[in-house]
Amino acid sequence: MNIKRKLEISVISDVHLGTYGCHAKHLLTYLNSIEPKKLILNGDIIDIWQFSKRYFPKSHLKVIKKIMTMASNGVEVIYITGNHDEMLRKFSNTTIGNISIVDKAVLELHGKKAWFFHGDVFDMSIQHAKWLAKLGSYGYNALTLINRLFNWYLEKRGKERYSISKKVKNGVKSALKYINDFEKIAAELAIENGYDHVICGHIHQPKMKVFENKYGKTTYLNSGDWVENFTALEYQFKRWKIYNFSKDKLAPFIIDDDQDNIENLEAKDLIAAITIIDQPDKKHR
């Protein structure tokens, strides 16, 4: 018997398979505990930057196998490219079975638009990102191109590619400023383009926060990572929550005490919201 929680969407990012920091066993336990309709891999799943034939343990391979199995069993898997796996960007907009590779994605969830992207395009320069954010979707695309050219230039000069880890090493204050700027710019871009939710990864900081300016408001979400925080984002019953492996384990998806939303749920949905789904293992749907 497998205990699984039914979800509409699960989002994971920054797994960094192929590195010593990856906690693949924790992630495998999580993936085995859920039954999502969609699994969104929001970048840096396989760390191609640091990939080494000498280190790719069985637990890391099992994560890849699990994701492939989920796809073959009907789960829609959307792989959004990040900076550590940007080699996959040459295959952007490719679909194989239930797995698609994209640079960004937009989903309509119960009448609201959710925008997904990894977030590494903000790394090149927060200052550039600020004025490009004002250009809306054109600014985002321009920033993507500039970021690629910048890293290509660094590689040609024999220098290390730009990484968020360098900012963290520069000190807590600068790291916090970077994170705050990152979140603010992502939210501004989302508002500019009329997105109700913007979902990122990259900075390894799980977060759910509402941003508002004179043009509108949006909810910024970040799925965190599986190196230190062991977190994911889950969408079910018209709402998002941050899943924390260390705290939640196999906890059911709990809706908060919002009377309007509770009244709108059918009885069977309300029961499912507070009950762990227990079902036999299935090879095929």
C-alpha atoms as a PDB file:
ATOM      1  CA  MET A   1       0.000   0.000   0.000  1.00  0.00           C
ATOM      2  CA  ASN A   2       1.287   3.433  -0.942  1.00  0.00           C
ATOM      3  CA  ILE A   3       0.183   6.549   0.892  1.00  0.00           C
ATOM      4  CA  LYS A   4      -0.246   9.360  -1.585  1.00  0.00           C
ATOM      5  CA  ARG A   5      -1.644  12.875  -1.387  1.00  0.00           C
ATOM      6  CA  LYS A   6      -3.574  14.027  -4.436  1.00  0.00           C
ATOM      7  CA  LEU A   7      -2.488  17.434  -5.754  1.00  0.00           C
ATOM      8  CA  GLU A   8      -3.265  19.494  -8.804  1.00  0.00           C
ATOM      9  CA  ILE A   9       0.314  20.793  -9.038  1.00  0.00           C
ATOM     10  CA  SER A  10       3.621  20.149  -7.317  1.00  0.00           C
ATOM     11  CA  VAL A  11       6.580  22.451  -7.984  1.00  0.00           C
ATOM     12  CA  ILE A  12      10.167  21.562  -7.114  1.00  0.00           C
ATOM     13  CA  SER A  13      13.366  23.360  -8.052  1.00  0.00           C
ATOM     14  CA  ASP A  14      17.077  23.515  -7.290  1.00  0.00           C
ATOM     15  CA  VAL A  15      17.536  19.816  -6.655  1.00  0.00           C
ATOM     16  CA  HIS A  16      21.104  19.818  -8.046  1.00  0.00           C
ATOM     17  CA  LEU A  17      21.278  16.120  -8.837  1.00  0.00           C
ATOM     18  CA  GLY A  18      24.893  15.130  -9.324  1.00  0.00           C
ATOM     19  CA  THR A  19      26.259  17.203  -6.446  1.00  0.00           C
ATOM     20  CA  TYR A  20      27.154  16.302  -2.867  1.00  0.00           C
ATOM     21  CA  GLY A  21      24.672  18.852  -1.523  1.00  0.00           C
ATOM     22  CA  CYS A  22      21.616  17.188  -3.070  1.00  0.00           C
ATOM     23  CA  HIS A  23      19.365  15.300  -0.642  1.00  0.00           C
ATOM     24  CA  ALA A  24      17.925  12.931  -3.231  1.00  0.00           C
ATOM     25  CA  LYS A  25      16.541  10.442  -0.686  1.00  0.00           C
ATOM     26  CA  HIS A  26      14.382  13.147   0.925  1.00  0.00           C
ATOM     27  CA  LEU A  27      13.099  14.184  -2.495  1.00  0.00           C
ATOM     28  CA  LEU A  28      12.364  10.598  -3.499  1.00  0.00           C
ATOM     29  CA  THR A  29      10.348  10.123  -0.317  1.00  0.00           C
ATOM     30  CA  TYR A  30       8.389  13.272  -1.168  1.00  0.00           C
ATOM     31  CA  LEU A  31       7.743  12.236  -4.776  1.00  0.00           C
ATOM     32  CA  ASN A  32       6.562   8.834  -3.606  1.00  0.00           C
ATOM     33  CA  SER A  33       4.081  10.529  -1.249  1.00  0.00           C
ATOM     34  CA  ILE A  34       2.206  12.583  -3.862  1.00  0.00           C
ATOM     35  CA  GLU A  35      -0.037  12.017  -6.846  1.00  0.00           C
ATOM     36  CA  PRO A  36      -0.085  15.310  -8.770  1.00  0.00           C
ATOM     37  CA  LYS A  37      -1.776  16.045 -12.075  1.00  0.00           C
ATOM     38  CA  LYS A  38       1.180  18.271 -12.965  1.00  0.00           C
ATOM     39  CA  LEU A  39       4.784  18.161 -11.761  1.00  0.00           C
ATOM     40  CA  ILE A  40       6.695  21.345 -12.516  1.00  0.00           C
ATOM     41  CA  LEU A  41      10.487  21.118 -12.350  1.00  0.00           C
ATOM     42  CA  ASN A  42      11.451  24.764 -12.027  1.00  0.00           C
ATOM     43  CA  GLY A  43      15.129  24.631 -12.966  1.00  0.00           C
ATOM     44  CA  ASP A  44      18.457  23.303 -11.665  1.00  0.00           C
ATOM     45  CA  ILE A  45      17.164  19.759 -11.342  1.00  0.00           C
ATOM     46  CA  ILE A  46      20.286  18.154 -12.816  1.00  0.00           C
ATOM     47  CA  ASP A  47      23.415  20.165 -12.061  1.00  0.00           C
ATOM     48  CA  ILE A  48      25.137  19.982 -15.450  1.00  0.00           C
ATOM     49  CA  TRP A  49      27.578  22.725 -14.365  1.00  0.00           C
ATOM     50  CA  GLN A  50      29.098  20.495 -11.716  1.00  0.00           C
ATOM     51  CA  PHE A  51      28.282  17.139 -13.308  1.00  0.00           C
ATOM     52  CA  SER A  52      30.912  14.463 -12.737  1.00  0.00           C
ATOM     53  CA  LYS A  53      30.935  10.836 -13.839  1.00  0.00           C
ATOM     54  CA  ARG A  54      32.621  10.060 -10.537  1.00  0.00           C
ATOM     55  CA  TYR A  55      29.609  11.169  -8.498  1.00  0.00           C
ATOM     56  CA  PHE A  56      26.073  10.256  -9.457  1.00  0.00           C
ATOM     57  CA  PRO A  57      24.787   7.845  -6.790  1.00  0.00           C
ATOM     58  CA  LYS A  58      21.860   5.457  -7.134  1.00  0.00           C
ATOM     59  CA  SER A  59      19.578   7.707  -5.091  1.00  0.00           C
ATOM     60  CA  HIS A  60      20.040  10.462  -7.695  1.00  0.00           C
ATOM     61  CA  LEU A  61      19.283   8.059 -10.520  1.00  0.00           C
ATOM     62  CA  LYS A  62      16.184   6.876  -8.650  1.00  0.00           C
ATOM     63  CA  VAL A  63      14.831  10.445  -8.622  1.00  0.00           C
ATOM     64  CA  ILE A  64      15.165  10.636 -12.409  1.00  0.00           C
ATOM     65  CA  LYS A  65      13.562   7.209 -12.779  1.00  0.00           C
ATOM     66  CA  LYS A  66      10.702   8.245 -10.471  1.00  0.00           C
ATOM     67  CA  ILE A  67       9.991  11.367 -12.520  1.00  0.00           C
ATOM     68  CA  MET A  68      10.005   9.321 -15.732  1.00  0.00           C
ATOM     69  CA  THR A  69       7.648   6.789 -14.132  1.00  0.00           C
ATOM     70  CA  MET A  70       5.282   9.546 -13.026  1.00  0.00           C
ATOM     71  CA  ALA A  71       5.212  10.870 -16.591  1.00  0.00           C
ATOM     72  CA  SER A  72       4.541   7.412 -18.030  1.00  0.00           C
ATOM     73  CA  ASN A  73       1.676   7.043 -15.547  1.00  0.00           C
ATOM     74  CA  GLY A  74      -0.054  10.165 -16.837  1.00  0.00           C
ATOM     75  CA  VAL A  75       1.472  13.000 -14.799  1.00  0.00           C
ATOM     76  CA  GLU A  76       2.195  16.054 -16.949  1.00  0.00           C
ATOM     77  CA  VAL A  77       5.838  16.962 -16.298  1.00  0.00           C
ATOM     78  CA  ILE A  78       6.963  20.478 -17.237  1.00  0.00           C
ATOM     79  CA  TYR A  79      10.736  20.931 -17.088  1.00  0.00           C
ATOM     80  CA  ILE A  80      11.625  24.631 -16.894  1.00  0.00           C
ATOM     81  CA  THR A  81      15.294  25.215 -17.600  1.00  0.00           C
ATOM     82  CA  GLY A  82      17.557  26.897 -15.057  1.00  0.00           C
ATOM     83  CA  ASN A  83      21.140  28.134 -15.142  1.00  0.00           C
ATOM     84  CA  HIS A  84      22.739  24.920 -13.884  1.00  0.00           C
ATOM     85  CA  ASP A  85      20.873  22.910 -16.518  1.00  0.00           C
ATOM     86  CA  GLU A  86      20.724  25.577 -19.210  1.00  0.00           C
ATOM     87  CA  MET A  87      22.272  23.175 -21.725  1.00  0.00           C
ATOM     88  CA  LEU A  88      18.710  21.905 -22.026  1.00  0.00           C
ATOM     89  CA  ARG A  89      17.641  25.284 -23.398  1.00  0.00           C
ATOM     90  CA  LYS A  90      18.674  24.132 -26.853  1.00  0.00           C
ATOM     91  CA  PHE A  91      15.740  21.712 -26.546  1.00  0.00           C
ATOM     92  CA  SER A  92      13.245  24.358 -25.356  1.00  0.00           C
ATOM     93  CA  ASN A  93       9.671  23.867 -26.570  1.00  0.00           C
ATOM     94  CA  THR A  94      10.296  20.155 -27.097  1.00  0.00           C
ATOM     95  CA  THR A  95       7.707  17.647 -25.923  1.00  0.00           C
ATOM     96  CA  ILE A  96       8.281  13.922 -25.510  1.00  0.00           C
ATOM     97  CA  GLY A  97       5.224  12.063 -24.278  1.00  0.00           C
ATOM     98  CA  ASN A  98       4.071  13.785 -21.075  1.00  0.00           C
ATOM     99  CA  ILE A  99       7.365  15.648 -20.587  1.00  0.00           C
ATOM    100  CA  SER A 100       7.905  19.116 -22.034  1.00  0.00           C
ATOM    101  CA  ILE A 101      11.009  21.328 -21.828  1.00  0.00           C
ATOM    102  CA  VAL A 102      10.439  25.097 -21.734  1.00  0.00           C
ATOM    103  CA  ASP A 103      12.167  28.268 -20.538  1.00  0.00           C
ATOM    104  CA  LYS A 104       9.006  29.588 -18.894  1.00  0.00           C
ATOM    105  CA  ALA A 105       5.365  28.611 -18.600  1.00  0.00           C
ATOM    106  CA  VAL A 106       1.985  30.245 -17.991  1.00  0.00           C
ATOM    107  CA  LEU A 107      -0.927  28.263 -16.585  1.00  0.00           C
ATOM    108  CA  GLU A 108      -4.497  29.352 -15.941  1.00  0.00           C
ATOM    109  CA  LEU A 109      -5.602  28.101 -12.549  1.00  0.00           C
ATOM    110  CA  HIS A 110      -9.265  28.608 -11.727  1.00  0.00           C
ATOM    111  CA  GLY A 111      -9.429  31.868 -13.682  1.00  0.00           C
ATOM    112  CA  LYS A 112      -6.076  33.183 -12.443  1.00  0.00           C
ATOM    113  CA  LYS A 113      -2.822  33.269 -14.396  1.00  0.00           C
ATOM    114  CA  ALA A 114       0.320  31.750 -12.922  1.00  0.00           C
ATOM    115  CA  TRP A 115       3.735  32.522 -14.447  1.00  0.00           C
ATOM    116  CA  PHE A 116       6.572  30.049 -13.871  1.00  0.00           C
ATOM    117  CA  PHE A 117      10.274  30.634 -14.549  1.00  0.00           C
ATOM    118  CA  HIS A 118      13.522  29.725 -12.797  1.00  0.00           C
ATOM    119  CA  GLY A 119      14.839  33.245 -12.163  1.00  0.00           C
ATOM    120  CA  ASP A 120      18.491  33.129 -13.212  1.00  0.00           C
ATOM    121  CA  VAL A 121      17.928  35.899 -15.759  1.00  0.00           C
ATOM    122  CA  PHE A 122      17.991  38.330 -12.835  1.00  0.00           C
ATOM    123  CA  ASP A 123      21.512  37.270 -11.890  1.00  0.00           C
ATOM    124  CA  MET A 124      23.353  39.281 -14.538  1.00  0.00           C
ATOM    125  CA  SER A 125      22.510  42.575 -12.943  1.00  0.00           C
ATOM    126  CA  ILE A 126      19.694  43.582 -10.653  1.00  0.00           C
ATOM    127  CA  GLN A 127      20.081  47.146 -11.884  1.00  0.00           C
ATOM    128  CA  HIS A 128      19.503  46.075 -15.487  1.00  0.00           C
ATOM    129  CA  ALA A 129      16.595  43.951 -14.368  1.00  0.00           C
ATOM    130  CA  LYS A 130      14.900  46.948 -12.765  1.00  0.00           C
ATOM    131  CA  TRP A 131      14.586  48.975 -15.943  1.00  0.00           C
ATOM    132  CA  LEU A 132      13.938  45.935 -18.126  1.00  0.00           C
ATOM    133  CA  ALA A 133      11.118  44.957 -15.782  1.00  0.00           C
ATOM    134  CA  LYS A 134       9.305  48.088 -16.887  1.00  0.00           C
ATOM    135  CA  LEU A 135       9.208  46.728 -20.439  1.00  0.00           C
ATOM    136  CA  GLY A 136       7.053  43.790 -19.393  1.00  0.00           C
ATOM    137  CA  SER A 137       7.406  40.508 -21.294  1.00  0.00           C
ATOM    138  CA  TYR A 138       9.738  42.136 -23.825  1.00  0.00           C
ATOM    139  CA  GLY A 139      12.010  43.102 -20.958  1.00  0.00           C
ATOM    140  CA  TYR A 140      12.062  39.559 -19.619  1.00  0.00           C
ATOM    141  CA  ASN A 141      12.994  38.143 -23.011  1.00  0.00           C
ATOM    142  CA  ALA A 142      15.688  40.800 -23.465  1.00  0.00           C
ATOM    143  CA  LEU A 143      17.082  40.015 -20.029  1.00  0.00           C
ATOM    144  CA  THR A 144      17.218  36.306 -20.900  1.00  0.00           C
ATOM    145  CA  LEU A 145      19.262  37.058 -24.013  1.00  0.00           C
ATOM    146  CA  ILE A 146      21.592  39.469 -22.194  1.00  0.00           C
ATOM    147  CA  ASN A 147      22.191  36.915 -19.427  1.00  0.00           C
ATOM    148  CA  ARG A 148      23.170  34.235 -21.939  1.00  0.00           C
ATOM    149  CA  LEU A 149      25.523  36.588 -23.771  1.00  0.00           C
ATOM    150  CA  PHE A 150      27.077  37.676 -20.469  1.00  0.00           C
ATOM    151  CA  ASN A 151      27.845  34.095 -19.423  1.00  0.00           C
ATOM    152  CA  TRP A 152      29.131  33.286 -22.922  1.00  0.00           C
ATOM    153  CA  TYR A 153      31.508  36.264 -22.614  1.00  0.00           C
ATOM    154  CA  LEU A 154      32.735  35.079 -19.192  1.00  0.00           C
ATOM    155  CA  GLU A 155      33.372  31.588 -20.527  1.00  0.00           C
ATOM    156  CA  LYS A 156      35.330  32.944 -23.503  1.00  0.00           C
ATOM    157  CA  ARG A 157      37.559  34.848 -21.094  1.00  0.00           C
ATOM    158  CA  GLY A 158      38.108  31.741 -19.008  1.00  0.00           C
ATOM    159  CA  LYS A 159      36.138  33.088 -16.044  1.00  0.00           C
ATOM    160  CA  GLU A 160      33.537  31.372 -13.905  1.00  0.00           C
ATOM    161  CA  ARG A 161      29.932  31.881 -14.879  1.00  0.00           C
ATOM    162  CA  TYR A 162      27.832  34.233 -12.750  1.00  0.00           C
ATOM    163  CA  SER A 163      26.254  32.496  -9.771  1.00  0.00           C
ATOM    164  CA  ILE A 164      23.986  33.501  -6.879  1.00  0.00           C
ATOM    165  CA  SER A 165      26.336  31.607  -4.523  1.00  0.00           C
ATOM    166  CA  LYS A 166      28.929  34.346  -5.005  1.00  0.00           C
ATOM    167  CA  LYS A 167      26.476  36.921  -3.690  1.00  0.00           C
ATOM    168  CA  VAL A 168      25.750  34.835  -0.624  1.00  0.00           C
ATOM    169  CA  LYS A 169      29.483  34.546   0.065  1.00  0.00           C
ATOM    170  CA  ASN A 170      29.854  38.315  -0.168  1.00  0.00           C
ATOM    171  CA  GLY A 171      27.943  38.746   3.059  1.00  0.00           C
ATOM    172  CA  VAL A 172      24.524  38.483   4.640  1.00  0.00           C
ATOM    173  CA  LYS A 173      23.500  42.085   3.989  1.00  0.00           C
ATOM    174  CA  SER A 174      24.271  41.974   0.276  1.00  0.00           C
ATOM    175  CA  ALA A 175      22.618  38.566  -0.008  1.00  0.00           C
ATOM    176  CA  LEU A 176      19.447  39.827   1.683  1.00  0.00           C
ATOM    177  CA  LYS A 177      19.379  42.869  -0.576  1.00  0.00           C
ATOM    178  CA  TYR A 178      19.757  40.632  -3.616  1.00  0.00           C
ATOM    179  CA  ILE A 179      16.922  38.365  -2.473  1.00  0.00           C
ATOM    180  CA  ASN A 180      14.630  41.308  -1.721  1.00  0.00           C
ATOM    181  CA  ASP A 181      15.394  42.867  -5.103  1.00  0.00           C
ATOM    182  CA  PHE A 182      14.881  39.530  -6.837  1.00  0.00           C
ATOM    183  CA  GLU A 183      11.446  39.075  -5.288  1.00  0.00           C
ATOM    184  CA  LYS A 184      10.403  42.669  -5.955  1.00  0.00           C
ATOM    185  CA  ILE A 185      11.451  42.590  -9.620  1.00  0.00           C
ATOM    186  CA  ALA A 186       9.774  39.243 -10.262  1.00  0.00           C
ATOM    187  CA  ALA A 187       6.574  40.642  -8.732  1.00  0.00           C
ATOM    188  CA  GLU A 188       6.788  43.873 -10.755  1.00  0.00           C
ATOM    189  CA  LEU A 189       7.198  41.901 -13.975  1.00  0.00           C
ATOM    190  CA  ALA A 190       4.219  39.728 -13.067  1.00  0.00           C
ATOM    191  CA  ILE A 191       2.014  42.747 -12.306  1.00  0.00           C
ATOM    192  CA  GLU A 192       3.127  44.439 -15.527  1.00  0.00           C
ATOM    193  CA  ASN A 193       2.022  41.382 -17.497  1.00  0.00           C
ATOM    194  CA  GLY A 194      -1.207  40.768 -15.601  1.00  0.00           C
ATOM    195  CA  TYR A 195      -0.170  37.558 -13.820  1.00  0.00           C
ATOM    196  CA  ASP A 196      -1.864  36.745 -10.515  1.00  0.00           C
ATOM    197  CA  HIS A 197       0.970  34.489  -9.368  1.00  0.00           C
ATOM    198  CA  VAL A 198       4.677  34.369 -10.190  1.00  0.00           C
ATOM    199  CA  ILE A 199       6.547  31.195  -9.263  1.00  0.00           C
ATOM    200  CA  CYS A 200      10.353  31.102  -9.196  1.00  0.00           C
ATOM    201  CA  GLY A 201      13.260  29.043  -7.906  1.00  0.00           C
ATOM    202  CA  HIS A 202      16.988  29.841  -8.136  1.00  0.00           C
ATOM    203  CA  ILE A 203      17.613  31.712  -4.880  1.00  0.00           C
ATOM    204  CA  HIS A 204      16.865  28.672  -2.655  1.00  0.00           C
ATOM    205  CA  GLN A 205      14.548  30.744  -0.441  1.00  0.00           C
ATOM    206  CA  PRO A 206      11.021  29.299  -0.022  1.00  0.00           C
ATOM    207  CA  LYS A 207       8.565  32.153   0.117  1.00  0.00           C
ATOM    208  CA  MET A 208       4.952  33.130  -0.436  1.00  0.00           C
ATOM    209  CA  LYS A 209       4.258  36.855  -0.338  1.00  0.00           C
ATOM    210  CA  VAL A 210       1.746  39.288  -1.842  1.00  0.00           C
ATOM    211  CA  PHE A 211       3.236  42.300  -3.635  1.00  0.00           C
ATOM    212  CA  GLU A 212       1.179  45.331  -4.571  1.00  0.00           C
ATOM    213  CA  ASN A 213       1.895  48.588  -6.395  1.00  0.00           C
ATOM    214  CA  LYS A 214      -0.168  51.265  -8.128  1.00  0.00           C
ATOM    215  CA  TYR A 215      -0.597  48.999 -11.177  1.00  0.00           C
ATOM    216  CA  GLY A 216      -1.982  45.979  -9.330  1.00  0.00           C
ATOM    217  CA  LYS A 217      -0.929  43.065  -7.169  1.00  0.00           C
ATOM    218  CA  THR A 218       0.450  39.558  -7.466  1.00  0.00           C
ATOM    219  CA  THR A 219       1.503  36.682  -5.232  1.00  0.00           C
ATOM    220  CA  TYR A 220       5.204  35.816  -5.409  1.00  0.00           C
ATOM    221  CA  LEU A 221       6.100  32.199  -4.631  1.00  0.00           C
ATOM    222  CA  ASN A 222       9.435  30.404  -4.477  1.00  0.00           C
ATOM    223  CA  SER A 223       9.780  26.629  -4.203  1.00  0.00           C
ATOM    224  CA  GLY A 224      13.062  26.751  -2.273  1.00  0.00           C
ATOM    225  CA  ASP A 225      15.458  23.830  -2.807  1.00  0.00           C
ATOM    226  CA  TRP A 226      16.441  20.244  -1.964  1.00  0.00           C
ATOM    227  CA  VAL A 227      19.938  21.129  -0.795  1.00  0.00           C
ATOM    228  CA  GLU A 228      19.146  22.846   2.478  1.00  0.00           C
ATOM    229  CA  ASN A 229      15.449  23.664   2.899  1.00  0.00           C
ATOM    230  CA  PHE A 230      13.805  20.527   1.384  1.00  0.00           C
ATOM    231  CA  THR A 231      10.725  22.425   0.230  1.00  0.00           C
ATOM    232  CA  ALA A 232       8.212  22.359  -2.601  1.00  0.00           C
ATOM    233  CA  LEU A 233       5.152  24.315  -3.650  1.00  0.00           C
ATOM    234  CA  GLU A 234       1.786  22.586  -3.808  1.00  0.00           C
ATOM    235  CA  TYR A 235      -1.437  23.771  -5.436  1.00  0.00           C
ATOM    236  CA  GLN A 236      -4.735  22.195  -4.445  1.00  0.00           C
ATOM    237  CA  PHE A 237      -8.252  23.466  -3.785  1.00  0.00           C
ATOM    238  CA  LYS A 238      -7.563  26.842  -5.432  1.00  0.00           C
ATOM    239  CA  ARG A 239      -4.661  27.713  -3.164  1.00  0.00           C
ATOM    240  CA  TRP A 240      -0.912  27.418  -2.824  1.00  0.00           C
ATOM    241  CA  LYS A 241       1.088  26.220   0.147  1.00  0.00           C
ATOM    242  CA  ILE A 242       4.770  25.677   0.875  1.00  0.00           C
ATOM    243  CA  TYR A 243       5.540  22.046   1.671  1.00  0.00           C
ATOM    244  CA  ASN A 244       8.419  21.535   4.102  1.00  0.00           C
ATOM    245  CA  PHE A 245       9.745  17.970   4.205  1.00  0.00           C
ATOM    246  CA  SER A 246      11.283  18.373   7.655  1.00  0.00           C
ATOM    247  CA  LYS A 247       7.989  19.517   9.176  1.00  0.00           C
ATOM    248  CA  ASP A 248       5.186  18.176   6.994  1.00  0.00           C
ATOM    249  CA  LYS A 249       6.405  14.684   5.975  1.00  0.00           C
ATOM    250  CA  LEU A 250       3.177  12.929   4.918  1.00  0.00           C
ATOM    251  CA  ALA A 251       0.818  15.580   6.285  1.00  0.00           C
ATOM    252  CA  PRO A 252      -2.382  16.077   4.279  1.00  0.00           C
ATOM    253  CA  PHE A 253      -3.003  19.245   2.327  1.00  0.00           C
ATOM    254  CA  ILE A 254      -4.658  21.507   4.912  1.00  0.00           C
ATOM    255  CA  ILE A 255      -6.777  24.418   3.800  1.00  0.00           C
ATOM    256  CA  ASP A 256      -6.656  27.474   6.026  1.00  0.00           C
ATOM    257  CA  ASP A 257      -9.598  28.880   7.960  1.00  0.00           C
ATOM    258  CA  ASP A 258     -11.111  30.870   5.116  1.00  0.00           C
ATOM    259  CA  GLN A 259     -14.877  30.538   5.479  1.00  0.00           C
ATOM    260  CA  ASP A 260     -15.684  31.618   1.915  1.00  0.00           C
ATOM    261  CA  ASN A 261     -13.383  29.001   0.418  1.00  0.00           C
ATOM    262  CA  ILE A 262     -14.609  26.290   2.789  1.00  0.00           C
ATOM    263  CA  GLU A 263     -18.226  26.976   1.829  1.00  0.00           C
ATOM    264  CA  ASN A 264     -17.338  26.703  -1.858  1.00  0.00           C
ATOM    265  CA  LEU A 265     -15.848  23.231  -1.415  1.00  0.00           C
ATOM    266  CA  GLU A 266     -18.035  20.211  -1.993  1.00  0.00           C
ATOM    267  CA  ALA A 267     -18.248  17.700   0.834  1.00  0.00           C
ATOM    268  CA  LYS A 268     -16.061  15.136  -0.962  1.00  0.00           C
ATOM    269  CA  ASP A 269     -13.398  17.826  -1.560  1.00  0.00           C
ATOM    270  CA  LEU A 270     -13.446  18.903   2.064  1.00  0.00           C
ATOM    271  CA  ILE A 271     -12.958  15.301   3.196  1.00  0.00           C
ATOM    272  CA  ALA A 272     -10.098  14.851   0.723  1.00  0.00           C
ATOM    273  CA  ALA A 273      -8.462  18.066   1.930  1.00  0.00           C
ATOM    274  CA  ILE A 274      -7.957  16.687   5.418  1.00  0.00           C
ATOM    275  CA  THR A 275      -7.438  13.009   4.576  1.00  0.00           C
ATOM    276  CA  ILE A 276      -4.367  11.168   3.345  1.00  0.00           C
ATOM    277  CA  ILE A 277      -5.230   9.149   0.250  1.00  0.00           C
ATOM    278  CA  ASP A 278      -4.392   5.502   0.844  1.00  0.00           C
ATOM    279  CA  GLN A 279      -4.407   3.353  -2.264  1.00  0.00           C
ATOM    280  CA  PRO A 280      -2.726   0.286  -3.757  1.00  0.00           C
ATOM    281  CA  ASP A 281       0.285   0.659  -6.035  1.00  0.00           C
ATOM    282  CA  LYS A 282      -0.678   0.989  -9.686  1.00  0.00           C
ATOM    283  CA  LYS A 283       1.491   0.226 -12.661  1.00  0.00           C
ATOM    284  CA  HIS A 284      -0.946   1.798 -15.102  1.00  0.00           C
ATOM    285  CA  ARG A 285      -3.734   4.290 -14.799  1.00  0.00           C
END
